[in-house]
Amino acid sequence: MNATVLGKDATQVLLVEDDAVQITLIETLLLGNRRDRFAVETANLLSVAQKRLETGGIDVILLDLGLPDSQGIQTVRKLHECAHSVPIIVLTGSDDEDMALEALKNGAQDYLVKNAVDGPSLTRSIRYAIQRRRNDQVINEQGRRLQLLMESIPDLRIYFKDQAGCFIDVNPALARNYGFNSPQKLIGKTDFDLFSSEHAEAAREDEQTIIRTGQTIAGKVEKETIPDGTTRWALTTKIPLRGEDGKIIGTCGMSRDITGLKQAEQQLVETNARLTKAFGDLLKLHEELKETQLQLIQAEKLQSLGQMAAGVAHEIKNPIANLHMGIEYLGDYLLDRDEQIHGLITDLKDAVHRAETIIRDMLDYSAAKDLTLEHVGLDSLISQTLRFVRYELAEARVSVVTRFAEGLPAIPLDAPKIQQVLVNVFMNACHAMPDGGTLTITTGQTVLDAEEPEDEGSSVRVVAFHKGEALAAIEICDTGPGIPADKLLHIFDPFFTTKARGTGTGLGLSVVKKIIELHAGRITIANAPEGGARVTILLRCAP
């Protein structure tokens, strides 16, 4: 093993040659070059060269194919296996074109004939060989990294397609994603072999747009549907694939499955919807609880008011009776003496009569909750009650129309109390039609097809009706002006009245509502669409 240094920081050359004359000649050619500097080491055997290469530091190998321990192309192959990163220049005496091609196929960078080589051609070949090897190393490293990217990332699907949309290369992750155990099995296939025609057509349009415009499609969320109907989602980027001349020859794509993310997103949307609904329900429940609390407070107030009313009525009942008797006495004694006194006596009688009416209504309002129930036919009860008010109806010029349902069964109720309800409603209707009108009374039976009927107007829910429950209905309509909307909400409040001052106590409908509630029924008052007021009473039929 010999070494000749022909310059500092020189290119390190290993000359594998057993002919001393050729060694001297080559060294002379290298020495005579003024552009480059070389450090030459020699080895006369392949084995010596292999051992030297193990220590590294060699930039280029000049190789003779006729060594004592190795001959021909096999020598190139062995040295390339020993140091594949070091460029090899075959320097031989045989001008054999076939051998030159074989040498290049087995790792040589150049093939020179000794008798035809000179200093410039030799040094130029060395420079080019080293540069090509460096370029090859860069390309190989890029290829290695690309191969690592293609094969090692488990969730990134990479593919290359030609202009017709056929796969020309895919990575294992993409093959596995579509059920293939080898990427090679996808080569030549298209999206129409993997997806539904709708998705495949959309993908082809994207790729043709890229090929036509050269524009990239980045971060596109795609819904992938395979032929069996299964749906998946992918985040995809597609770019043009260019050849060595820069022309577009196809497309390249990278995608990642985001089905789990989309499902989580959908679950989040559904969860938000459920939370929003739950929050709305909670707000509604809160409002209902507030309303219930207010109703309980109002009920307590009304109970106290009822007790007070009963006490007041009893306390003033006897004084009112005494006043009534005194006025009757004075009327008999002073009747013919003075016209003015006669008018005064009449006014006093009216005042006492109104006081007695108020006391009676207060007693009715505070009456005990005991009911005497018996099975009564609604039609006959209504007809009898109409006879009680026939004079008032006639005086007000109100005609009555009855529409009684056939076969309506008797229902359990306290007849006198229900008659009190009907009288009150009929009289209110008369007062609402001072210039005459029509009072229409309709009866019927209904079976609830929902858990609760819709509340109307001023109805207050105190009992719950249930789906499938049989109810008897009484509907009473007048042709009056109706009830102002702002007064409907208070129509059942004690001492609230729509009548002129001095003509009503405001307790009539409160008593009516209380009686209906005692029967576990419901009463609603509303304005009818065709005009006038409409009163609806629902009572449970006999079980």
Protein backbone atom coordinates (compact mmCIF):
# COMPACT_ATOMS: atom_id res chain seq x y z
CA MET A 1 0.00 0.00 0.00
CA ASN A 2 1.66 3.25 -1.13
CA ALA A 3 0.58 6.88 -0.80
CA THR A 4 1.63 9.91 -2.81
CA VAL A 5 0.52 13.34 -1.61
CA LEU A 6 0.26 15.83 -4.41
CA GLY A 7 -1.21 18.72 -2.48
CA LYS A 8 -2.78 19.84 0.76
CA ASP A 9 -6.58 19.51 1.03
CA ALA A 10 -6.44 17.37 -2.10
CA THR A 11 -8.99 14.92 -3.46
CA GLN A 12 -8.27 11.52 -1.92
CA VAL A 13 -7.73 9.00 -4.73
CA LEU A 14 -7.35 5.24 -4.23
CA LEU A 15 -5.58 3.76 -7.27
CA VAL A 16 -6.16 0.00 -7.39
CA GLU A 17 -3.47 -1.14 -9.83
CA ASP A 18 -0.72 -3.81 -9.76
CA ASP A 19 1.33 -2.43 -12.69
CA ALA A 20 4.06 -0.05 -11.40
CA VAL A 21 4.42 1.65 -14.79
CA GLN A 22 0.72 2.44 -14.92
CA ILE A 23 0.86 3.71 -11.35
CA THR A 24 3.67 6.11 -12.23
CA LEU A 25 1.90 7.23 -15.38
CA ILE A 26 -1.38 7.97 -13.61
CA GLU A 27 0.36 9.80 -10.80
CA THR A 28 2.16 11.90 -13.37
CA LEU A 29 -1.09 12.73 -15.13
CA LEU A 30 -2.64 13.83 -11.88
CA LEU A 31 0.47 15.75 -10.81
CA GLY A 32 0.54 17.68 -14.04
CA ASN A 33 -2.99 19.04 -13.49
CA ARG A 34 -2.88 22.62 -12.27
CA ARG A 35 -6.56 23.05 -11.50
CA ASP A 36 -7.09 20.25 -8.99
CA ARG A 37 -4.96 18.78 -6.24
CA PHE A 38 -4.90 15.07 -5.46
CA ALA A 39 -3.63 12.73 -2.77
CA VAL A 40 -3.06 9.30 -4.27
CA GLU A 41 -2.93 6.01 -2.42
CA THR A 42 -2.27 2.76 -4.24
CA ALA A 43 -3.31 -0.83 -3.68
CA ASN A 44 -2.07 -3.73 -5.82
CA LEU A 45 -4.71 -6.20 -4.68
CA LEU A 46 -8.48 -6.07 -4.32
CA SER A 47 -8.22 -7.31 -0.76
CA VAL A 48 -5.79 -4.52 0.14
CA ALA A 49 -8.16 -1.96 -1.40
CA GLN A 50 -11.13 -3.38 0.53
CA LYS A 51 -9.22 -3.18 3.80
CA ARG A 52 -8.24 0.44 3.08
CA LEU A 53 -11.80 1.42 2.27
CA GLU A 54 -12.93 0.20 5.67
CA THR A 55 -11.10 3.11 7.31
CA GLY A 56 -12.84 5.72 5.06
CA GLY A 57 -11.53 9.04 3.76
CA ILE A 58 -11.40 8.06 0.08
CA ASP A 59 -13.10 10.41 -2.42
CA VAL A 60 -12.73 8.35 -5.64
CA ILE A 61 -11.44 4.94 -6.77
CA LEU A 62 -9.46 4.35 -9.98
CA LEU A 63 -9.82 0.64 -10.65
CA ASP A 64 -8.02 -1.76 -12.95
CA LEU A 65 -10.08 -4.83 -13.80
CA GLY A 66 -7.09 -7.16 -14.11
CA LEU A 67 -5.83 -7.64 -10.54
CA PRO A 68 -3.95 -10.69 -9.25
CA ASP A 69 -6.79 -11.58 -6.85
CA SER A 70 -9.80 -10.44 -8.92
CA GLN A 71 -10.70 -10.13 -12.58
CA GLY A 72 -13.39 -8.35 -14.63
CA ILE A 73 -16.77 -7.02 -13.60
CA GLN A 74 -16.71 -8.99 -10.35
CA THR A 75 -14.01 -6.58 -9.14
CA VAL A 76 -16.31 -3.59 -9.67
CA ARG A 77 -19.18 -5.33 -7.90
CA LYS A 78 -17.09 -6.24 -4.82
CA LEU A 79 -15.62 -2.77 -4.41
CA HIS A 80 -19.03 -1.14 -4.80
CA GLU A 81 -20.47 -3.42 -2.12
CA CYS A 82 -17.55 -2.53 0.15
CA ALA A 83 -17.91 1.26 -0.29
CA HIS A 84 -21.06 2.05 -2.23
CA SER A 85 -20.85 5.79 -1.47
CA VAL A 86 -17.39 6.15 -3.12
CA PRO A 87 -17.47 6.72 -6.92
CA ILE A 88 -15.56 4.15 -9.01
CA ILE A 89 -13.82 4.93 -12.30
CA VAL A 90 -12.79 1.86 -14.24
CA LEU A 91 -9.33 2.42 -15.78
CA THR A 92 -8.46 -0.58 -17.94
CA GLY A 93 -6.62 -1.48 -21.06
CA SER A 94 -9.60 -3.20 -22.71
CA ASP A 95 -11.74 -1.05 -25.00
CA ASP A 96 -14.78 -3.34 -24.62
CA GLU A 97 -18.13 -1.58 -25.01
CA ASP A 98 -20.14 -4.41 -23.45
CA MET A 99 -17.81 -4.59 -20.48
CA ALA A 100 -18.06 -0.82 -20.08
CA LEU A 101 -21.90 -1.06 -19.89
CA GLU A 102 -21.71 -3.90 -17.37
CA ALA A 103 -19.29 -1.89 -15.27
CA LEU A 104 -21.68 1.06 -15.19
CA LYS A 105 -24.60 -1.21 -14.29
CA ASN A 106 -22.64 -2.64 -11.34
CA GLY A 107 -21.74 0.67 -9.72
CA ALA A 108 -19.01 2.34 -11.83
CA GLN A 109 -19.36 6.05 -12.62
CA ASP A 110 -17.08 5.99 -15.70
CA TYR A 111 -15.11 3.62 -17.90
CA LEU A 112 -11.71 4.84 -19.30
CA VAL A 113 -9.21 3.09 -21.58
CA LYS A 114 -5.67 3.57 -20.34
CA ASN A 115 -4.09 4.18 -23.73
CA ALA A 116 -6.73 6.83 -24.61
CA VAL A 117 -6.69 8.82 -21.40
CA ASP A 118 -4.78 12.01 -20.72
CA GLY A 119 -4.49 14.35 -17.76
CA PRO A 120 -7.45 16.64 -18.50
CA SER A 121 -9.82 13.80 -19.35
CA LEU A 122 -8.78 11.87 -16.25
CA THR A 123 -9.19 14.80 -13.86
CA ARG A 124 -12.45 15.79 -15.52
CA SER A 125 -13.76 12.24 -15.13
CA ILE A 126 -12.77 12.32 -11.44
CA ARG A 127 -14.58 15.63 -10.86
CA TYR A 128 -17.69 14.49 -12.66
CA ALA A 129 -17.72 11.11 -10.89
CA ILE A 130 -17.47 12.76 -7.46
CA GLN A 131 -20.20 15.28 -8.32
CA ARG A 132 -22.50 12.60 -9.74
CA ARG A 133 -22.01 10.51 -6.64
CA ARG A 134 -22.89 13.50 -4.47
CA ASN A 135 -25.94 14.15 -6.58
CA ASP A 136 -26.88 10.50 -6.37
CA GLN A 137 -26.50 10.64 -2.60
CA VAL A 138 -28.78 13.67 -2.39
CA ILE A 139 -31.33 11.97 -4.64
CA ASN A 140 -31.03 8.72 -2.73
CA GLU A 141 -31.49 10.54 0.56
CA GLN A 142 -34.55 12.32 -0.77
CA GLY A 143 -35.84 9.02 -2.06
CA ARG A 144 -35.17 7.39 1.29
CA ARG A 145 -37.05 10.14 3.10
CA LEU A 146 -39.93 9.92 0.65
CA GLN A 147 -40.00 6.15 1.08
CA LEU A 148 -40.01 6.63 4.86
CA LEU A 149 -42.90 9.06 4.48
CA MET A 150 -44.74 6.71 2.16
CA GLU A 151 -44.31 3.58 4.25
CA SER A 152 -44.01 4.63 7.89
CA ILE A 153 -46.77 7.18 8.60
CA PRO A 154 -49.80 5.04 9.50
CA ASP A 155 -52.56 7.68 9.18
CA LEU A 156 -51.40 9.62 6.12
CA ARG A 157 -52.65 8.23 2.82
CA ILE A 158 -50.48 9.20 -0.16
CA TYR A 159 -51.06 8.46 -3.82
CA PHE A 160 -49.87 9.43 -7.30
CA LYS A 161 -52.15 9.30 -10.35
CA ASP A 162 -51.68 9.76 -14.06
CA GLN A 163 -53.80 12.09 -16.17
CA ALA A 164 -56.47 9.42 -16.59
CA GLY A 165 -56.90 9.16 -12.81
CA CYS A 166 -55.21 5.73 -12.54
CA PHE A 167 -53.05 5.05 -9.49
CA ILE A 168 -49.35 4.82 -10.39
CA ASP A 169 -48.07 4.66 -6.83
CA VAL A 170 -49.69 4.50 -3.38
CA ASN A 171 -48.38 4.03 0.13
CA PRO A 172 -49.26 1.07 2.39
CA ALA A 173 -51.55 3.21 4.58
CA LEU A 174 -53.82 4.00 1.63
CA ALA A 175 -53.84 0.36 0.51
CA ARG A 176 -54.79 -0.84 4.02
CA ASN A 177 -57.49 1.83 4.32
CA TYR A 178 -59.29 0.40 1.28
CA GLY A 179 -58.79 -3.26 2.17
CA PHE A 180 -55.71 -4.17 0.10
CA ASN A 181 -52.78 -6.01 1.66
CA SER A 182 -50.30 -4.66 -0.89
CA PRO A 183 -49.94 -1.23 -2.55
CA GLN A 184 -49.22 -2.95 -5.85
CA LYS A 185 -52.79 -4.24 -6.00
CA LEU A 186 -54.05 -0.69 -6.37
CA ILE A 187 -51.80 0.22 -9.31
CA GLY A 188 -53.90 0.85 -12.42
CA LYS A 189 -57.18 1.20 -10.51
CA THR A 190 -59.23 4.41 -10.24
CA ASP A 191 -61.57 5.97 -7.68
CA PHE A 192 -64.48 4.29 -9.46
CA ASP A 193 -63.06 0.96 -8.21
CA LEU A 194 -63.08 2.20 -4.59
CA PHE A 195 -65.99 4.60 -4.10
CA SER A 196 -69.56 5.20 -5.14
CA SER A 197 -69.91 6.76 -8.59
CA GLU A 198 -71.04 10.07 -7.07
CA HIS A 199 -67.90 10.50 -4.97
CA ALA A 200 -65.61 9.13 -7.69
CA GLU A 201 -67.04 11.60 -10.21
CA ALA A 202 -66.50 14.52 -7.83
CA ALA A 203 -62.89 13.42 -7.20
CA ARG A 204 -62.23 13.14 -10.94
CA GLU A 205 -63.56 16.67 -11.50
CA ASP A 206 -61.15 17.97 -8.85
CA GLU A 207 -58.20 16.19 -10.48
CA GLN A 208 -59.08 17.42 -13.97
CA THR A 209 -59.28 20.97 -12.62
CA ILE A 210 -55.82 20.60 -11.07
CA ILE A 211 -54.38 19.22 -14.33
CA ARG A 212 -56.00 22.03 -16.33
CA THR A 213 -55.12 24.94 -14.02
CA GLY A 214 -52.09 23.73 -12.07
CA GLN A 215 -53.77 24.97 -8.88
CA THR A 216 -53.59 23.12 -5.58
CA ILE A 217 -56.67 22.04 -3.61
CA ALA A 218 -55.66 22.23 0.04
CA GLY A 219 -57.47 21.08 3.19
CA LYS A 220 -60.68 19.93 1.53
CA VAL A 221 -63.09 17.95 3.72
CA GLU A 222 -64.48 15.10 1.62
CA LYS A 223 -67.31 12.72 2.35
CA GLU A 224 -66.24 9.33 1.01
CA THR A 225 -68.92 6.76 0.26
CA ILE A 226 -67.83 3.26 -0.67
CA PRO A 227 -70.06 0.98 -2.76
CA ASP A 228 -71.60 -0.79 0.24
CA GLY A 229 -72.95 2.56 1.47
CA THR A 230 -70.47 3.06 4.30
CA THR A 231 -69.60 6.72 4.77
CA ARG A 232 -66.26 8.10 5.92
CA TRP A 233 -64.72 11.56 6.05
CA ALA A 234 -61.25 12.64 4.93
CA LEU A 235 -59.18 15.83 5.00
CA THR A 236 -57.46 15.94 1.59
CA THR A 237 -54.82 18.01 -0.19
CA LYS A 238 -54.29 17.52 -3.93
CA ILE A 239 -51.43 18.96 -6.00
CA PRO A 240 -50.31 18.71 -9.64
CA LEU A 241 -47.72 16.02 -10.44
CA ARG A 242 -45.07 17.36 -12.83
CA GLY A 243 -42.55 15.54 -15.02
CA GLU A 244 -38.87 16.40 -15.52
CA ASP A 245 -39.80 19.04 -18.09
CA GLY A 246 -42.20 20.74 -15.65
CA LYS A 247 -45.32 19.69 -17.49
CA ILE A 248 -48.24 18.29 -15.50
CA ILE A 249 -48.47 14.55 -15.94
CA GLY A 250 -51.00 13.73 -13.22
CA THR A 251 -51.89 14.47 -9.61
CA CYS A 252 -50.60 13.69 -6.16
CA GLY A 253 -52.78 13.57 -3.10
CA MET A 254 -52.48 13.22 0.65
CA SER A 255 -55.42 12.57 2.94
CA ARG A 256 -56.13 11.73 6.54
CA ASP A 257 -59.22 9.97 7.86
CA ILE A 258 -61.22 12.33 10.10
CA THR A 259 -64.32 10.18 10.50
CA GLY A 260 -63.82 10.03 14.26
CA LEU A 261 -63.44 13.80 14.39
CA LYS A 262 -66.61 14.34 12.35
CA GLN A 263 -68.52 11.89 14.54
CA ALA A 264 -67.27 13.69 17.64
CA GLU A 265 -68.30 16.99 16.04
CA GLN A 266 -71.77 15.62 15.31
CA GLN A 267 -72.03 14.28 18.85
CA LEU A 268 -71.02 17.71 20.13
CA VAL A 269 -73.72 19.34 18.00
CA GLU A 270 -76.30 16.85 19.28
CA THR A 271 -75.10 17.30 22.86
CA ASN A 272 -75.34 21.08 22.50
CA ALA A 273 -78.85 20.68 21.11
CA ARG A 274 -79.83 18.46 24.04
CA LEU A 275 -78.27 20.89 26.51
CA THR A 276 -80.04 23.80 24.85
CA LYS A 277 -83.35 21.93 25.05
CA ALA A 278 -82.66 20.93 28.65
CA PHE A 279 -81.83 24.53 29.50
CA GLY A 280 -85.04 25.66 27.81
CA ASP A 281 -87.01 23.01 29.71
CA LEU A 282 -85.33 24.12 32.92
CA LEU A 283 -86.28 27.74 32.27
CA LYS A 284 -89.84 26.66 31.47
CA LEU A 285 -89.97 24.57 34.65
CA HIS A 286 -88.62 27.52 36.61
CA GLU A 287 -91.36 29.74 35.22
CA GLU A 288 -93.97 27.08 35.97
CA LEU A 289 -92.66 26.79 39.53
CA LYS A 290 -92.87 30.56 39.91
CA GLU A 291 -96.42 30.49 38.54
CA THR A 292 -97.35 27.63 40.87
CA GLN A 293 -95.85 29.52 43.78
CA LEU A 294 -97.88 32.59 42.87
CA GLN A 295 -101.03 30.44 42.55
CA LEU A 296 -100.38 28.90 45.95
CA ILE A 297 -99.94 32.36 47.46
CA GLN A 298 -103.10 33.52 45.70
CA ALA A 299 -104.96 30.42 46.88
CA GLU A 300 -103.87 31.08 50.45
CA LYS A 301 -104.98 34.69 50.11
CA LEU A 302 -108.32 33.60 48.68
CA GLN A 303 -108.81 31.09 51.47
CA SER A 304 -108.14 33.79 54.03
CA LEU A 305 -110.42 36.12 52.11
CA GLY A 306 -113.16 33.48 52.12
CA GLN A 307 -112.87 33.02 55.85
CA MET A 308 -112.96 36.76 56.35
CA ALA A 309 -115.90 37.12 53.98
CA ALA A 310 -117.85 34.50 55.90
CA GLY A 311 -117.16 36.27 59.18
CA VAL A 312 -118.07 39.68 57.80
CA ALA A 313 -121.25 38.35 56.18
CA HIS A 314 -122.43 36.74 59.39
CA GLU A 315 -121.61 39.85 61.41
CA ILE A 316 -123.60 42.23 59.19
CA LYS A 317 -126.42 39.87 58.23
CA ASN A 318 -128.54 40.66 61.25
CA PRO A 319 -127.98 44.47 61.14
CA ILE A 320 -128.94 44.41 57.47
CA ALA A 321 -132.12 42.51 58.36
CA ASN A 322 -132.94 45.13 61.00
CA LEU A 323 -132.33 47.91 58.46
CA HIS A 324 -134.64 46.15 56.02
CA MET A 325 -137.45 45.93 58.58
CA GLY A 326 -136.96 49.56 59.66
CA ILE A 327 -137.10 50.81 56.08
CA GLU A 328 -140.28 48.78 55.47
CA TYR A 329 -141.84 50.30 58.56
CA LEU A 330 -140.85 53.84 57.60
CA GLY A 331 -142.13 53.23 54.09
CA ASP A 332 -145.53 52.19 55.35
CA TYR A 333 -145.69 55.09 57.84
CA LEU A 334 -144.40 57.88 55.54
CA LEU A 335 -145.50 56.61 52.12
CA ASP A 336 -148.19 59.23 51.43
CA ARG A 337 -146.73 62.23 53.23
CA ASP A 338 -143.97 63.47 50.96
CA GLU A 339 -142.87 62.57 47.41
CA GLN A 340 -139.24 63.30 48.28
CA ILE A 341 -139.37 61.00 51.27
CA HIS A 342 -140.94 58.35 49.05
CA GLY A 343 -137.91 58.51 46.67
CA LEU A 344 -135.51 58.34 49.59
CA ILE A 345 -137.24 55.26 50.97
CA THR A 346 -136.99 53.60 47.53
CA ASP A 347 -133.23 54.32 47.33
CA LEU A 348 -132.71 52.91 50.82
CA LYS A 349 -134.53 49.70 49.83
CA ASP A 350 -132.32 49.32 46.74
CA ALA A 351 -129.16 49.88 48.82
CA VAL A 352 -130.22 47.25 51.37
CA HIS A 353 -131.07 44.84 48.52
CA ARG A 354 -127.57 45.29 47.04
CA ALA A 355 -126.04 44.73 50.47
CA GLU A 356 -128.04 41.52 50.88
CA THR A 357 -126.86 40.37 47.41
CA ILE A 358 -123.22 40.99 48.39
CA ILE A 359 -123.68 39.09 51.64
CA ARG A 360 -125.30 36.16 49.82
CA ASP A 361 -122.46 36.03 47.26
CA MET A 362 -119.85 36.20 50.02
CA LEU A 363 -121.52 33.33 51.84
CA ASP A 364 -121.69 31.33 48.63
CA TYR A 365 -117.99 32.01 47.99
CA SER A 366 -116.99 30.87 51.49
CA ALA A 367 -119.43 27.94 51.59
CA ALA A 368 -118.21 24.50 52.65
CA LYS A 369 -116.73 22.20 50.02
CA ASP A 370 -119.14 19.37 50.65
CA LEU A 371 -120.94 18.12 47.55
CA THR A 372 -124.10 16.08 47.34
CA LEU A 373 -123.53 14.06 44.17
CA GLU A 374 -126.19 12.32 42.16
CA HIS A 375 -126.38 11.16 38.55
CA VAL A 376 -128.13 13.88 36.62
CA GLY A 377 -128.82 14.37 32.93
CA LEU A 378 -127.23 17.59 31.71
CA ASP A 379 -129.92 18.35 29.13
CA SER A 380 -132.78 18.25 31.66
CA LEU A 381 -130.71 20.23 34.19
CA ILE A 382 -129.99 22.97 31.64
CA SER A 383 -133.64 23.09 30.52
CA GLN A 384 -134.83 23.45 34.12
CA THR A 385 -132.27 26.20 34.79
CA LEU A 386 -133.40 28.12 31.70
CA ARG A 387 -136.91 28.26 33.20
CA PHE A 388 -135.45 29.98 36.28
CA VAL A 389 -134.17 32.87 34.13
CA ARG A 390 -136.88 32.95 31.45
CA TYR A 391 -138.21 36.34 32.58
CA GLU A 392 -134.75 37.96 32.52
CA LEU A 393 -134.08 36.48 29.07
CA ALA A 394 -137.41 37.69 27.75
CA GLU A 395 -136.95 41.16 29.21
CA ALA A 396 -133.52 41.41 27.56
CA ARG A 397 -134.97 40.11 24.24
CA VAL A 398 -132.47 37.23 24.18
CA SER A 399 -133.45 34.16 22.17
CA VAL A 400 -132.12 30.75 23.23
CA VAL A 401 -130.84 28.01 20.91
CA THR A 402 -130.11 24.58 22.39
CA ARG A 403 -128.07 21.88 20.68
CA PHE A 404 -128.21 18.90 22.99
CA ALA A 405 -126.24 15.78 22.06
CA GLU A 406 -128.28 12.59 21.77
CA GLY A 407 -127.57 9.77 24.17
CA LEU A 408 -125.51 11.85 26.59
CA PRO A 409 -125.30 9.78 29.82
CA ALA A 410 -126.13 11.11 33.27
CA ILE A 411 -123.07 12.33 35.17
CA PRO A 412 -122.39 12.62 38.92
CA LEU A 413 -122.82 16.21 40.12
CA ASP A 414 -124.37 18.43 42.75
CA ALA A 415 -127.42 19.67 40.81
CA PRO A 416 -128.20 22.83 42.84
CA LYS A 417 -124.58 24.00 42.67
CA ILE A 418 -124.31 23.34 38.93
CA GLN A 419 -127.60 25.22 38.48
CA GLN A 420 -126.05 28.11 40.40
CA VAL A 421 -123.16 28.02 37.89
CA LEU A 422 -125.51 28.00 34.90
CA VAL A 423 -127.72 30.80 36.27
CA ASN A 424 -124.66 32.97 36.81
CA VAL A 425 -123.38 32.33 33.26
CA PHE A 426 -126.81 32.87 31.69
CA MET A 427 -127.31 36.14 33.55
CA ASN A 428 -123.87 37.38 32.55
CA ALA A 429 -124.78 36.65 28.93
CA CYS A 430 -128.03 38.65 29.33
CA HIS A 431 -126.10 41.60 30.74
CA ALA A 432 -123.69 41.39 27.79
CA MET A 433 -126.59 41.71 25.31
CA PRO A 434 -128.71 44.63 26.62
CA ASP A 435 -130.16 45.24 23.18
CA GLY A 436 -131.02 41.63 22.52
CA GLY A 437 -129.13 38.73 21.00
CA THR A 438 -128.81 34.95 20.88
CA LEU A 439 -127.71 32.56 23.62
CA THR A 440 -126.53 29.22 22.19
CA ILE A 441 -126.10 26.22 24.50
CA THR A 442 -124.41 23.09 23.19
CA THR A 443 -123.73 19.80 25.00
CA GLY A 444 -121.62 16.86 23.97
CA GLN A 445 -119.17 14.19 25.02
CA THR A 446 -115.51 13.94 24.07
CA VAL A 447 -112.63 11.55 24.66
CA LEU A 448 -109.23 13.18 25.02
CA ASP A 449 -106.74 12.09 22.38
CA ALA A 450 -103.89 13.97 24.11
CA GLU A 451 -102.67 14.05 27.69
CA GLU A 452 -103.94 17.60 28.31
CA PRO A 453 -106.36 19.80 26.37
CA GLU A 454 -105.14 23.22 25.38
CA ASP A 455 -105.88 25.94 27.94
CA GLU A 456 -107.85 28.88 26.59
CA GLY A 457 -108.42 32.46 27.63
CA SER A 458 -108.62 32.90 31.39
CA SER A 459 -108.69 29.19 32.28
CA VAL A 460 -106.57 28.21 35.26
CA ARG A 461 -105.29 24.64 35.44
CA VAL A 462 -106.26 23.08 38.76
CA VAL A 463 -106.94 19.49 37.71
CA ALA A 464 -105.33 17.30 35.09
CA PHE A 465 -107.27 15.42 32.46
CA HIS A 466 -105.66 12.35 30.93
CA LYS A 467 -105.53 10.79 27.51
CA GLY A 468 -108.52 8.53 26.84
CA GLU A 469 -110.67 10.10 29.58
CA ALA A 470 -114.36 10.69 28.76
CA LEU A 471 -115.61 14.22 29.45
CA ALA A 472 -119.00 15.89 29.22
CA ALA A 473 -118.86 19.36 27.65
CA ILE A 474 -121.20 22.36 27.96
CA GLU A 475 -120.54 25.30 25.63
CA ILE A 476 -122.43 28.57 26.14
CA CYS A 477 -122.01 31.33 23.53
CA ASP A 478 -123.50 34.80 23.36
CA THR A 479 -123.56 37.44 20.61
CA GLY A 480 -122.39 40.27 22.81
CA PRO A 481 -119.24 42.40 22.33
CA GLY A 482 -116.94 39.89 24.04
CA ILE A 483 -114.50 40.55 26.89
CA PRO A 484 -111.50 42.90 26.58
CA ALA A 485 -108.26 40.90 26.36
CA ASP A 486 -106.72 42.67 29.36
CA LYS A 487 -109.67 41.65 31.51
CA LEU A 488 -109.76 37.95 30.53
CA LEU A 489 -106.80 37.13 32.77
CA HIS A 490 -108.64 38.45 35.83
CA ILE A 491 -112.17 37.31 35.05
CA PHE A 492 -112.21 34.76 37.93
CA ASP A 493 -110.53 37.01 40.51
CA PRO A 494 -112.73 37.78 43.54
CA PHE A 495 -114.38 41.24 43.46
CA PHE A 496 -113.28 41.78 39.84
CA THR A 497 -116.14 42.78 37.53
CA THR A 498 -116.63 44.22 34.05
CA LYS A 499 -120.04 45.60 34.95
CA ALA A 500 -120.83 49.21 35.83
CA ARG A 501 -120.09 50.31 39.37
CA GLY A 502 -122.87 49.30 41.73
CA THR A 503 -124.35 46.63 39.42
CA GLY A 504 -122.09 43.66 40.28
CA THR A 505 -120.22 42.27 43.29
CA GLY A 506 -117.39 40.61 41.34
CA LEU A 507 -117.90 37.33 43.21
CA GLY A 508 -120.23 35.51 40.78
CA LEU A 509 -117.58 33.96 38.52
CA SER A 510 -115.30 33.27 41.49
CA VAL A 511 -118.10 31.16 42.96
CA VAL A 512 -118.68 29.52 39.57
CA LYS A 513 -115.03 28.57 39.24
CA LYS A 514 -114.93 27.22 42.78
CA ILE A 515 -117.99 25.02 42.18
CA ILE A 516 -116.51 23.59 38.95
CA GLU A 517 -113.22 22.90 40.72
CA LEU A 518 -115.10 21.07 43.48
CA HIS A 519 -116.46 18.82 40.72
CA ALA A 520 -112.88 18.20 39.48
CA GLY A 521 -113.85 19.93 36.24
CA ARG A 522 -112.64 22.91 34.29
CA ILE A 523 -114.20 26.14 33.06
CA THR A 524 -112.73 28.43 30.41
CA ILE A 525 -113.95 31.76 29.13
CA ALA A 526 -112.72 33.13 25.83
CA ASN A 527 -113.76 35.35 22.97
CA ALA A 528 -115.20 33.35 20.08
CA PRO A 529 -113.64 33.98 16.62
CA GLU A 530 -117.07 34.89 15.22
CA GLY A 531 -117.65 37.37 18.06
CA GLY A 532 -119.12 37.27 21.53
CA ALA A 533 -117.99 35.36 24.60
CA ARG A 534 -117.75 31.58 24.82
CA VAL A 535 -117.88 29.66 28.10
CA THR A 536 -116.77 26.02 28.05
CA ILE A 537 -117.33 23.68 31.00
CA LEU A 538 -115.74 20.21 31.11
CA LEU A 539 -116.96 17.65 33.66
CA ARG A 540 -115.90 14.05 34.16
CA CYS A 541 -118.42 11.45 33.08
CA ALA A 542 -119.39 8.60 35.37
CA PRO A 543 -116.66 5.90 35.48
